[in-house]
C-alpha atoms as a PDB file:
ATOM      1  CA  UNK A   1      95.536 106.345  94.757  1.00  0.00           C
ATOM      2  CA  UNK A   2      93.843 103.906  92.363  1.00  0.00           C
ATOM      3  CA  UNK A   3      92.833 101.675  95.283  1.00  0.00           C
ATOM      4  CA  UNK A   4      91.219 104.648  97.026  1.00  0.00           C
ATOM      5  CA  UNK A   5      89.264 105.571  93.899  1.00  0.00           C
ATOM      6  CA  UNK A   6      88.181 101.951  93.495  1.00  0.00           C
ATOM      7  CA  UNK A   7      87.035 101.829  97.117  1.00  0.00           C
ATOM      8  CA  UNK A   8      85.121 105.083  96.722  1.00  0.00           C
ATOM      9  CA  UNK A   9      83.487 103.859  93.517  1.00  0.00           C
ATOM     10  CA  UNK A  10      82.386 100.635  95.172  1.00  0.00           C
ATOM     11  CA  UNK A  11      81.071 102.561  98.166  1.00  0.00           C
ATOM     12  CA  UNK A  12      79.055 104.895  95.954  1.00  0.00           C
ATOM     13  CA  UNK A  13      77.700 101.978  93.953  1.00  0.00           C
ATOM     14  CA  UNK A  14      76.720 100.103  97.105  1.00  0.00           C
ATOM     15  CA  UNK A  15      75.006 103.126  98.580  1.00  0.00           C
ATOM     16  CA  UNK A  16      73.115 103.857  95.370  1.00  0.00           C
ATOM     17  CA  UNK A  17      71.841 100.297  95.154  1.00  0.00           C
ATOM     18  CA  UNK A  18      71.275  99.758  98.867  1.00  0.00           C
ATOM     19  CA  UNK A  19      67.564 100.389  98.787  1.00  0.00           C
ATOM     20  CA  UNK A  20      66.853  97.672  96.217  1.00  0.00           C
ATOM     21  CA  UNK A  21      69.433  95.108  97.295  1.00  0.00           C
ATOM     22  CA  UNK A  22      69.783  92.390  99.803  1.00  0.00           C
ATOM     23  CA  UNK A  23      72.859  90.681 101.116  1.00  0.00           C
ATOM     24  CA  UNK A  24      72.996  87.017 102.087  1.00  0.00           C
ATOM     25  CA  UNK A  25      75.036  86.162 105.160  1.00  0.00           C
ATOM     26  CA  UNK A  26      75.182  82.588 106.413  1.00  0.00           C
ATOM     27  CA  UNK A  27      72.196  81.677 104.251  1.00  0.00           C
ATOM     28  CA  UNK A  28      69.959  84.492 105.484  1.00  0.00           C
ATOM     29  CA  UNK A  29      68.953  87.490 103.370  1.00  0.00           C
ATOM     30  CA  UNK A  30      69.096  90.988 104.784  1.00  0.00           C
ATOM     31  CA  UNK A  31      67.788  94.134 103.036  1.00  0.00           C
ATOM     32  CA  UNK A  32      70.722  96.524 102.810  1.00  0.00           C
ATOM     33  CA  UNK A  33      68.553  99.528 103.566  1.00  0.00           C
ATOM     34  CA  UNK A  34      67.710  97.996 106.948  1.00  0.00           C
ATOM     35  CA  UNK A  35      71.318  97.434 108.007  1.00  0.00           C
ATOM     36  CA  UNK A  36      73.177  99.875 110.196  1.00  0.00           C
ATOM     37  CA  UNK A  37      75.716 102.169 108.597  1.00  0.00           C
ATOM     38  CA  UNK A  38      78.467 100.084 110.171  1.00  0.00           C
ATOM     39  CA  UNK A  39      77.048  96.859 108.745  1.00  0.00           C
ATOM     40  CA  UNK A  40      76.688  98.430 105.277  1.00  0.00           C
ATOM     41  CA  UNK A  41      80.308  99.581 105.488  1.00  0.00           C
ATOM     42  CA  UNK A  42      81.373  96.009 106.238  1.00  0.00           C
ATOM     43  CA  UNK A  43      79.435  94.828 103.179  1.00  0.00           C
ATOM     44  CA  UNK A  44      81.328  97.393 101.104  1.00  0.00           C
ATOM     45  CA  UNK A  45      84.597  96.233 102.656  1.00  0.00           C
ATOM     46  CA  UNK A  46      83.777  92.634 101.762  1.00  0.00           C
ATOM     47  CA  UNK A  47      82.998  93.584  98.170  1.00  0.00           C
ATOM     48  CA  UNK A  48      86.227  95.568  97.805  1.00  0.00           C
ATOM     49  CA  UNK A  49      88.172  92.694  99.327  1.00  0.00           C
ATOM     50  CA  UNK A  50      86.511  90.195  96.980  1.00  0.00           C
ATOM     51  CA  UNK A  51      87.482  92.373  94.004  1.00  0.00           C
ATOM     52  CA  UNK A  52      91.064  92.566  95.239  1.00  0.00           C
ATOM     53  CA  UNK A  53      91.205  88.789  95.668  1.00  0.00           C
ATOM     54  CA  UNK A  54      89.899  88.338  92.128  1.00  0.00           C
ATOM     55  CA  UNK A  55      92.566  90.692  90.761  1.00  0.00           C
ATOM     56  CA  UNK A  56      95.281  88.874  92.693  1.00  0.00           C
ATOM     57  CA  UNK A  57      94.056  85.518  91.393  1.00  0.00           C
ATOM     58  CA  UNK A  58      94.269  86.866  87.849  1.00  0.00           C
ATOM     59  CA  UNK A  59      97.806  88.116  88.461  1.00  0.00           C
ATOM     60  CA  UNK A  60      98.738  84.740  89.939  1.00  0.00           C
ATOM     61  CA  UNK A  61      97.368  82.951  86.864  1.00  0.00           C
ATOM     62  CA  UNK A  62      99.474  85.208  84.632  1.00  0.00           C
ATOM     63  CA  UNK A  63     102.591  84.542  86.719  1.00  0.00           C
ATOM     64  CA  UNK A  64     101.976  80.780  86.688  1.00  0.00           C
ATOM     65  CA  UNK A  65     101.558  80.814  82.904  1.00  0.00           C
ATOM     66  CA  UNK A  66     104.795  82.765  82.524  1.00  0.00           C
ATOM     67  CA  UNK A  67     106.603  80.367  84.846  1.00  0.00           C
ATOM     68  CA  UNK A  68     105.445  77.378  82.795  1.00  0.00           C
ATOM     69  CA  UNK A  69     106.665  79.054  79.612  1.00  0.00           C
ATOM     70  CA  UNK A  70     110.062  79.807  81.181  1.00  0.00           C
ATOM     71  CA  UNK A  71     110.357  76.249  82.428  1.00  0.00           C
ATOM     72  CA  UNK A  72     109.512  74.837  79.009  1.00  0.00           C
ATOM     73  CA  UNK A  73     112.074  77.105  77.364  1.00  0.00           C
ATOM     74  CA  UNK A  74     114.723  76.034  79.864  1.00  0.00           C
ATOM     75  CA  UNK A  75     113.963  72.364  79.205  1.00  0.00           C
ATOM     76  CA  UNK A  76     114.292  72.961  75.464  1.00  0.00           C
ATOM     77  CA  UNK A  77     117.661  74.659  75.966  1.00  0.00           C
ATOM     78  CA  UNK A  78     118.867  71.833  78.193  1.00  0.00           C
ATOM     79  CA  UNK A  79     117.756  69.290  75.590  1.00  0.00           C
ATOM     80  CA  UNK A  80     119.818  71.148  72.973  1.00  0.00           C
ATOM     81  CA  UNK A  81     122.816  71.107  75.297  1.00  0.00           C
ATOM     82  CA  UNK A  82     122.483  67.368  75.893  1.00  0.00           C
ATOM     83  CA  UNK A  83     122.124  66.700  72.156  1.00  0.00           C
ATOM     84  CA  UNK A  84     125.243  68.766  71.413  1.00  0.00           C
ATOM     85  CA  UNK A  85     127.348  67.002  74.037  1.00  0.00           C
ATOM     86  CA  UNK A  86     126.197  63.467  73.180  1.00  0.00           C
END
């Protein structure tokens, strides 16, 4: 449901700004208002996908930070165990 709302919001934003915007593909600029409806939809799809990738990268960074913290805590516990048994 949230993904659908996000997609709709991006679509509305893209359509509202289409007249004043350009998109650069392979180094060439194209005015959005001159693209076909299908091409504009693909631009929207790319933007939504880019946002999703950014969110996933943020979630990955959080998970990697948590993993490092867990690993450090485990090492500290193992050091305590070694000190107690030495």
